[in-house]
Protein backbone atom coordinates (compact mmCIF):
# COMPACT_ATOMS: atom_id res chain seq x y z
CA MET A 1 -5.51 12.48 17.00
CA PRO A 2 -3.23 9.96 14.97
CA ARG A 3 -1.28 9.93 12.08
CA LEU A 4 -0.26 7.79 8.96
CA LEU A 5 3.03 7.90 8.80
CA HIS A 6 3.64 7.00 4.58
CA THR A 7 7.57 5.33 3.93
CA GLY A 8 7.17 3.96 0.95
CA GLN A 9 7.34 5.77 -2.53
CA VAL A 10 5.00 8.33 -4.16
CA ILE A 11 5.72 7.51 -8.46
CA VAL A 12 3.79 8.41 -11.36
CA ASP A 13 1.79 5.96 -13.44
CA LEU A 14 1.12 6.27 -16.52
CA VAL A 15 -2.02 4.61 -16.79
CA MET A 16 -2.90 2.82 -19.40
CA ALA A 17 -6.33 0.23 -20.41
CA LEU A 18 -5.64 -2.56 -23.27
CA ASP A 19 -7.69 -5.55 -24.81
CA ASN A 20 -4.51 -7.92 -24.19
CA LEU A 21 -0.75 -7.74 -23.54
CA PRO A 22 1.29 -7.51 -26.86
CA VAL A 23 3.47 -10.81 -27.24
CA SER A 24 7.65 -9.64 -27.00
CA GLY A 25 7.61 -7.67 -29.76
CA GLY A 26 4.41 -6.80 -30.60
CA ASP A 27 2.50 -4.13 -30.63
CA VAL A 28 -1.45 -2.93 -29.82
CA LEU A 29 -3.30 0.08 -29.11
CA ALA A 30 -4.82 1.35 -25.94
CA ARG A 31 -7.94 2.27 -25.54
CA SER A 32 -7.01 5.39 -22.60
CA ALA A 33 -3.67 6.00 -21.23
CA SER A 34 -3.38 9.03 -18.66
CA PHE A 35 -0.72 10.16 -15.74
CA GLU A 36 -1.66 10.35 -12.46
CA ALA A 37 0.10 9.79 -9.15
CA GLY A 38 0.67 6.21 -7.73
CA GLY A 39 2.58 3.81 -5.62
CA GLY A 40 2.22 5.33 -1.89
CA PHE A 41 -0.40 7.16 -2.82
CA ASN A 42 -2.63 5.61 -3.46
CA VAL A 43 -2.98 4.02 -0.05
CA MET A 44 -2.77 7.76 1.25
CA ALA A 45 -4.91 9.29 -0.60
CA ALA A 46 -7.38 6.02 0.20
CA ALA A 47 -6.05 6.39 4.29
CA ARG A 48 -7.17 10.56 4.25
CA ARG A 49 -10.52 10.13 2.02
CA ASN A 50 -11.53 8.39 5.59
CA GLY A 51 -11.11 10.87 7.28
CA LEU A 52 -7.05 10.19 8.83
CA PRO A 53 -4.37 12.62 8.21
CA VAL A 54 -1.42 11.02 6.27
CA VAL A 55 2.37 12.30 6.50
CA TYR A 56 4.51 11.53 3.42
CA LEU A 57 8.26 10.73 4.67
CA GLY A 58 9.55 10.29 1.06
CA ARG A 59 11.81 11.98 -1.59
CA HIS A 60 10.12 13.47 -4.87
CA GLY A 61 11.66 14.57 -7.73
CA ASN A 62 12.40 18.37 -9.28
CA GLY A 63 10.55 17.97 -12.26
CA ARG A 64 7.58 17.22 -14.35
CA PHE A 65 6.70 14.12 -12.74
CA GLY A 66 7.61 14.94 -9.13
CA ASP A 67 5.31 18.56 -9.88
CA LEU A 68 2.12 16.04 -10.32
CA ALA A 69 2.72 13.54 -7.33
CA ARG A 70 3.28 16.72 -5.11
CA ALA A 71 -0.10 18.18 -6.43
CA ALA A 72 -1.87 15.12 -6.33
CA MET A 73 -0.70 14.65 -3.06
CA GLN A 74 -1.46 18.83 -1.82
CA ALA A 75 -4.91 18.06 -3.59
CA GLU A 76 -5.60 15.27 -1.13
CA GLY A 77 -4.20 17.12 2.31
CA ILE A 78 -0.79 15.34 2.73
CA GLU A 79 1.23 16.75 4.45
CA ILE A 80 4.31 17.08 2.42
CA ALA A 81 7.71 16.34 5.17
CA LEU A 82 10.19 16.28 2.30
CA PRO A 83 11.19 19.31 -0.17
CA ALA A 84 12.23 17.82 -2.91
CA SER A 85 14.93 16.36 -4.49
CA SER A 86 17.23 18.39 -6.68
CA GLY A 87 19.11 16.58 -9.33
CA LYS A 88 16.05 13.74 -10.27
CA ASP A 89 13.05 13.68 -10.37
CA THR A 90 9.84 11.19 -9.85
CA GLY A 91 10.25 7.76 -10.83
CA LEU A 92 7.77 6.76 -13.02
CA CYS A 93 5.49 3.81 -13.62
CA VAL A 94 3.67 1.81 -16.73
CA ALA A 95 0.59 0.36 -15.85
CA LEU A 96 -1.52 -1.69 -17.85
CA THR A 97 -4.62 -3.47 -17.32
CA GLU A 98 -5.93 -5.89 -19.53
CA ALA A 99 -9.88 -6.44 -20.37
CA THR A 100 -9.59 -9.01 -17.37
CA THR A 101 -9.14 -5.99 -15.65
CA GLU A 102 -5.29 -8.44 -14.67
CA ARG A 103 -3.03 -5.44 -14.40
CA THR A 104 0.95 -5.60 -15.26
CA PHE A 105 3.65 -2.70 -14.28
CA ILE A 106 7.01 -2.11 -15.69
CA SER A 107 7.87 0.74 -12.93
CA HIS A 108 11.63 3.33 -12.88
CA LEU A 109 12.55 4.41 -10.10
CA GLY A 110 13.32 8.27 -9.18
CA ALA A 111 14.50 10.29 -6.42
CA GLU A 112 12.10 8.27 -4.19
CA GLY A 113 14.37 5.43 -3.98
CA GLU A 114 16.75 7.46 -1.79
CA LEU A 115 16.46 7.80 1.75
CA SER A 116 18.56 9.34 4.71
CA ALA A 117 19.13 8.90 7.91
CA GLU A 118 18.72 13.07 8.09
CA ASP A 119 15.86 12.65 6.29
CA LEU A 120 13.75 9.90 8.72
CA ALA A 121 14.60 12.58 11.47
CA ARG A 122 12.61 15.61 10.22
CA VAL A 123 9.09 13.98 11.82
CA VAL A 124 9.13 12.76 14.83
CA PRO A 125 6.51 9.85 15.49
CA ARG A 126 3.63 10.50 17.41
CA ALA A 127 2.92 7.27 20.51
CA ASP A 128 -0.19 6.94 18.32
CA ASP A 129 0.69 7.02 15.04
CA TYR A 130 0.90 4.52 11.84
CA VAL A 131 4.20 4.29 10.28
CA TYR A 132 3.50 2.64 6.48
CA VAL A 133 6.08 0.27 5.38
CA SER A 134 6.43 -0.95 1.57
CA GLY A 135 8.45 -3.81 1.03
CA TYR A 136 9.85 -2.30 -2.34
CA SER A 137 11.37 0.17 0.15
CA LEU A 138 14.10 -2.72 1.95
CA LEU A 139 15.28 -3.49 -1.95
CA LEU A 140 16.72 0.21 -2.42
CA GLU A 141 19.86 -0.26 -1.76
CA GLY A 142 19.62 3.38 -1.46
CA LYS A 143 16.96 4.13 0.98
CA ALA A 144 16.80 -0.03 3.41
CA GLN A 145 19.40 0.34 5.86
CA PRO A 146 18.55 4.15 7.24
CA LEU A 147 14.20 2.96 6.97
CA LEU A 148 15.13 -0.06 8.52
CA ASP A 149 17.52 1.70 11.29
CA TRP A 150 14.52 3.98 11.88
CA LEU A 151 12.47 1.91 12.23
CA LEU A 152 14.56 -0.41 14.92
CA ALA A 153 14.34 2.61 16.68
CA LEU A 154 10.96 4.14 16.91
CA PRO A 155 8.85 3.47 20.38
CA ARG A 156 6.88 0.19 20.39
CA GLU A 157 4.23 2.44 21.37
CA VAL A 158 4.28 3.17 17.29
CA VAL A 159 2.67 1.11 15.11
CA VAL A 160 4.15 -0.49 12.17
CA VAL A 161 2.21 -1.58 9.16
CA PHE A 162 4.09 -4.17 6.89
CA ASP A 163 3.15 -4.22 2.73
CA PRO A 164 5.20 -6.95 1.58
CA GLY A 165 3.86 -6.46 -2.03
CA PRO A 166 4.85 -8.42 -4.72
CA LEU A 167 8.31 -8.83 -5.03
CA VAL A 168 9.24 -9.50 -1.27
CA LYS A 169 8.62 -12.83 -1.84
CA ALA A 170 10.93 -14.73 1.09
CA PRO A 171 11.09 -13.50 5.07
CA ASP A 172 15.42 -15.88 5.21
CA SER A 173 16.79 -12.18 3.32
CA ALA A 174 18.99 -10.23 6.92
CA MET A 175 16.82 -7.31 5.88
CA MET A 176 13.74 -9.19 6.75
CA ARG A 177 14.18 -10.94 9.11
CA ALA A 178 15.56 -7.35 11.06
CA LEU A 179 12.24 -6.65 10.52
CA LEU A 180 9.92 -9.10 11.28
CA SER A 181 9.79 -8.41 14.68
CA ARG A 182 8.78 -4.84 14.71
CA ILE A 183 5.86 -5.84 12.50
CA ASP A 184 2.32 -4.74 14.22
CA ILE A 185 0.21 -5.29 11.08
CA TRP A 186 0.90 -7.67 8.44
CA THR A 187 -1.00 -6.50 5.22
CA SER A 188 -1.18 -8.02 1.50
CA ASN A 189 -2.94 -9.77 -0.74
CA GLY A 190 -3.24 -14.45 -1.01
CA PRO A 191 -0.93 -14.39 -3.94
CA GLU A 192 2.35 -12.34 -1.78
CA ALA A 193 1.42 -14.39 1.09
CA LEU A 194 1.18 -16.64 -0.51
CA ALA A 195 4.87 -16.09 -1.93
CA PHE A 196 5.87 -14.85 1.30
CA THR A 197 5.85 -18.59 2.95
CA GLY A 198 5.79 -20.47 -0.06
CA ALA A 199 2.43 -22.21 1.18
CA SER A 200 0.17 -23.43 -1.39
CA ASP A 201 -3.39 -22.06 0.53
CA ILE A 202 -4.18 -19.16 2.41
CA ALA A 203 -4.41 -20.83 5.88
CA THR A 204 -1.46 -22.08 5.80
CA ALA A 205 0.22 -19.35 4.77
CA LEU A 206 -1.19 -17.59 7.56
CA SER A 207 -0.37 -19.97 10.57
CA GLU A 208 3.16 -19.77 8.78
CA LEU A 209 2.97 -15.50 9.39
CA ASN A 210 1.88 -16.47 12.72
CA ARG A 211 5.09 -17.79 12.71
CA HIS A 212 7.21 -15.64 11.62
CA LEU A 213 5.76 -12.78 13.44
CA PRO A 214 5.56 -11.62 16.81
CA ALA A 215 2.57 -13.44 19.05
CA GLU A 216 0.56 -10.36 18.70
CA ALA A 217 0.49 -9.34 15.03
CA LEU A 218 -2.37 -8.65 13.31
CA LEU A 219 -3.25 -9.88 10.00
CA VAL A 220 -5.22 -8.67 7.10
CA VAL A 221 -5.02 -10.82 4.51
CA ARG A 222 -7.36 -10.10 1.08
CA ASP A 223 -8.85 -12.86 -0.99
CA GLY A 224 -10.22 -11.02 -4.69
CA PRO A 225 -14.22 -10.31 -4.56
CA LYS A 226 -13.71 -13.05 -1.71
CA GLY A 227 -12.69 -10.54 0.84
CA CYS A 228 -10.35 -11.28 3.42
CA TRP A 229 -8.96 -12.73 6.15
CA VAL A 230 -8.27 -11.20 9.70
CA GLY A 231 -7.49 -12.22 12.92
CA ARG A 232 -3.99 -12.74 15.61
CA GLY A 233 -2.89 -16.47 16.19
CA SER A 234 -5.18 -18.45 15.79
CA GLU A 235 -8.32 -16.44 16.27
CA ILE A 236 -8.71 -15.30 12.72
CA GLU A 237 -12.05 -15.22 10.60
CA HIS A 238 -12.61 -14.43 6.95
CA VAL A 239 -14.17 -10.79 6.77
CA PRO A 240 -16.68 -11.95 3.19
CA GLY A 241 -16.19 -9.30 0.27
CA PHE A 242 -18.93 -7.09 -2.08
CA LYS A 243 -20.25 -8.67 -5.12
CA VAL A 244 -19.70 -5.66 -8.08
CA GLN A 245 -18.46 -5.43 -12.05
CA ALA A 246 -14.93 -5.27 -12.02
CA VAL A 247 -13.15 -2.61 -14.24
CA ASP A 248 -9.54 -2.11 -12.86
CA SER A 249 -8.54 -3.90 -10.20
CA ASN A 250 -4.96 -1.21 -10.33
CA GLY A 251 -5.10 -0.26 -5.79
CA ALA A 252 -8.30 -2.49 -4.81
CA GLY A 253 -5.48 -3.21 -2.04
CA ASP A 254 -3.65 0.40 -1.32
CA ALA A 255 -7.68 0.88 -0.89
CA HIS A 256 -8.15 -1.12 1.22
CA ALA A 257 -4.79 -1.23 3.38
CA GLY A 258 -5.49 2.67 3.80
CA VAL A 259 -9.06 2.09 4.30
CA PHE A 260 -8.50 -0.26 7.62
CA ILE A 261 -5.65 1.72 9.24
CA ALA A 262 -8.38 4.71 8.60
CA GLY A 263 -10.90 2.50 10.54
CA LEU A 264 -8.36 0.94 12.95
CA ALA A 265 -7.21 4.83 14.19
CA LYS A 266 -10.82 6.04 14.79
CA GLY A 267 -11.06 2.81 17.20
CA LEU A 268 -13.02 0.38 14.98
CA LYS A 269 -12.02 -3.69 15.82
CA PRO A 270 -10.79 -4.62 13.15
CA LEU A 271 -12.94 -7.26 11.69
CA GLU A 272 -15.15 -3.89 11.97
CA ALA A 273 -12.32 -1.81 9.84
CA ALA A 274 -11.75 -5.13 7.61
CA ARG A 275 -15.71 -4.91 6.43
CA ARG A 276 -15.31 -1.02 5.52
CA ALA A 277 -12.25 -2.13 3.72
CA ASN A 278 -13.46 -4.32 1.85
CA ALA A 279 -16.24 -2.53 0.60
CA ALA A 280 -13.75 0.64 -0.06
CA ALA A 281 -12.07 -1.82 -2.64
CA ALA A 282 -15.08 -3.08 -3.50
CA LEU A 283 -15.62 0.03 -5.19
CA ALA A 284 -12.37 0.29 -6.44
CA VAL A 285 -12.47 -1.43 -8.81
CA THR A 286 -15.70 -0.06 -10.48
CA ARG A 287 -13.29 2.99 -11.61
CA TRP A 288 -10.61 3.18 -13.36
CA GLY A 289 -6.74 4.04 -12.35
CA PRO A 290 -4.75 3.81 -9.07
CA ALA A 291 -6.29 6.01 -6.70
CA THR A 292 -10.27 5.34 -6.55
CA SER A 293 -10.28 4.53 -3.25
CA PRO A 294 -14.19 6.51 -2.08
CA GLY A 295 -14.11 8.61 1.13
CA ILE A 296 -16.09 7.85 3.67
CA ALA A 297 -19.76 9.06 2.33
CA GLU A 298 -19.38 6.26 0.23
CA VAL A 299 -18.05 3.30 2.19
CA ASP A 300 -21.07 4.36 4.42
CA SER A 301 -23.87 4.28 1.54
CA LEU A 302 -22.16 -0.04 0.34
CA LEU A 303 -22.09 -0.87 3.56
CA THR A 304 -25.85 0.00 4.25
CA GLU A 305 -27.55 -1.46 1.66
């Protein structure tokens, strides 16, 4: 059976809900606050809850945040490939969600910011596996080059999924240029696609992405509550979203990505997988917290309404 091999970073989110961000130097009271596993955990939890075996290939620390991250992964049935790193804890992200559901993040990386060729050699990808790559990883000096070398050496049958995230904003770095030819699935939200391509609208961004990526690369670009755009080359279709009352958009894109990959792994066509992913993202925004993806039964229920 296919697996999702996640090469990104699991960190711990300090999730806080507030009416509005304070001005610089100001102070506000949050309505709630909690520590939750986040970062790459969100995608893995979504995939696992929807029936796909998952292996975390990243590092994790030996302090209280590392303990929290490992406990969360173990509770979801996620296989952890590496032992805890000594001397460093897992990193932290302060995730601030305003009443408008807009999110603001402040992150500090820990043990998960490093990865070696020896670490990656612990797991041998199989021909039907999906390897998930986060754009954040390409910005980490202690991780980027070993990861890129490992990705470029993978057999072509292994599907490489790339999520640029908000910080990879152009295709012109040497590392990004090297990776582009190995990307099989691009998954991002609309603003990330616009920033990466320099386009002013999603239609143009999709065209530009096709220019940068291999001809057979599958594109998935989320368009908020409107749904997403999915397809290859010029055959890209819009898949409508679901109308819900959103309270927190944190983790919705990750839910979408994880459920989409789980659908493909089960043999669904991209449009079918995208509809399930849209349903999962819609349910995720009705809940507080980062890893709020629903499971199979909840997705099925929304799809039949």
